[in-house]
Amino acid sequence: MAEIKYEIEETLGELSESAKGWKKELNLISWNGRPAKFDLREWDPEHKKMGKGITLSREEIVALKEILNKIDI
């Protein structure tokens, strides 16, 4: 399997931390040299290992923000 290369360009915020010390973060990440996208997933403290997550384009994150703004929490 080919190695996946990534560069965290900006950490936008942390949502939570698990008992094992992994943090769920929203970051701007460039995957395999492509333009950065918004990425939400868990990371180990050294950012060497990651959990499953989702990657969103700018348009998708704008649409998500609009949906979240409509929710009465």
Protein backbone atom coordinates (compact mmCIF):
# COMPACT_ATOMS: atom_id res chain seq x y z
CA MET A 1 0.00 0.00 0.00
CA ALA A 2 1.31 3.44 -0.91
CA GLU A 3 2.36 5.80 1.84
CA ILE A 4 -0.05 8.65 2.51
CA LYS A 5 1.70 11.98 2.90
CA TYR A 6 0.10 14.83 4.78
CA GLU A 7 0.97 18.26 6.09
CA ILE A 8 -1.09 19.94 8.78
CA GLU A 9 -1.09 23.53 7.55
CA GLU A 10 -3.21 24.94 10.37
CA THR A 11 -4.87 23.61 13.52
CA LEU A 12 -8.24 25.33 13.75
CA GLY A 13 -9.37 23.83 17.06
CA GLU A 14 -9.69 20.85 19.38
CA LEU A 15 -13.09 19.31 20.09
CA SER A 16 -12.19 16.71 22.72
CA GLU A 17 -9.48 14.48 24.17
CA SER A 18 -9.87 10.75 24.77
CA ALA A 19 -8.66 8.82 27.81
CA LYS A 20 -5.70 7.56 25.75
CA GLY A 21 -4.60 11.15 25.02
CA TRP A 22 -5.74 11.36 21.41
CA LYS A 23 -7.36 14.67 20.42
CA LYS A 24 -10.23 15.19 18.01
CA GLU A 25 -9.18 18.20 15.94
CA LEU A 26 -10.35 20.35 13.06
CA ASN A 27 -7.34 21.09 10.86
CA LEU A 28 -6.47 22.36 7.41
CA ILE A 29 -4.49 19.49 5.87
CA SER A 30 -2.78 18.99 2.54
CA TRP A 31 -3.00 15.30 1.54
CA ASN A 32 -0.39 14.00 -0.92
CA GLY A 33 0.63 17.51 -1.99
CA ARG A 34 -2.90 18.57 -2.94
CA PRO A 35 -4.52 21.85 -1.83
CA ALA A 36 -5.48 21.85 1.85
CA LYS A 37 -8.97 20.82 2.95
CA PHE A 38 -10.80 20.93 6.26
CA ASP A 39 -10.24 17.69 8.15
CA LEU A 40 -11.91 16.37 11.31
CA ARG A 41 -10.35 13.32 13.02
CA GLU A 42 -8.53 12.03 16.10
CA TRP A 43 -4.74 12.32 16.33
CA ASP A 44 -2.18 10.86 18.70
CA PRO A 45 -0.16 13.42 20.70
CA GLU A 46 2.71 13.43 18.13
CA HIS A 47 0.42 13.63 15.08
CA LYS A 48 2.02 10.45 13.70
CA LYS A 49 -1.08 8.21 13.96
CA MET A 50 -4.63 9.14 13.10
CA GLY A 51 -8.12 7.75 13.40
CA LYS A 52 -10.81 7.68 10.77
CA GLY A 53 -12.19 11.05 9.89
CA ILE A 54 -13.81 13.23 7.29
CA THR A 55 -12.32 15.73 4.87
CA LEU A 56 -14.40 18.64 3.62
CA SER A 57 -13.89 21.20 0.87
CA ARG A 58 -14.48 24.89 1.57
CA GLU A 59 -17.94 24.63 -0.01
CA GLU A 60 -18.82 21.63 2.16
CA ILE A 61 -17.66 23.30 5.39
CA VAL A 62 -19.72 26.41 4.51
CA ALA A 63 -22.80 24.21 3.94
CA LEU A 64 -22.14 22.39 7.25
CA LYS A 65 -21.85 25.72 9.08
CA GLU A 66 -25.19 26.83 7.65
CA ILE A 67 -26.82 23.59 8.82
CA LEU A 68 -25.30 23.88 12.30
CA ASN A 69 -26.44 27.50 12.60
CA LYS A 70 -30.04 26.32 12.08
CA ILE A 71 -29.90 23.75 14.89
CA ASP A 72 -31.33 24.78 18.26
CA ILE A 73 -28.82 23.34 20.71
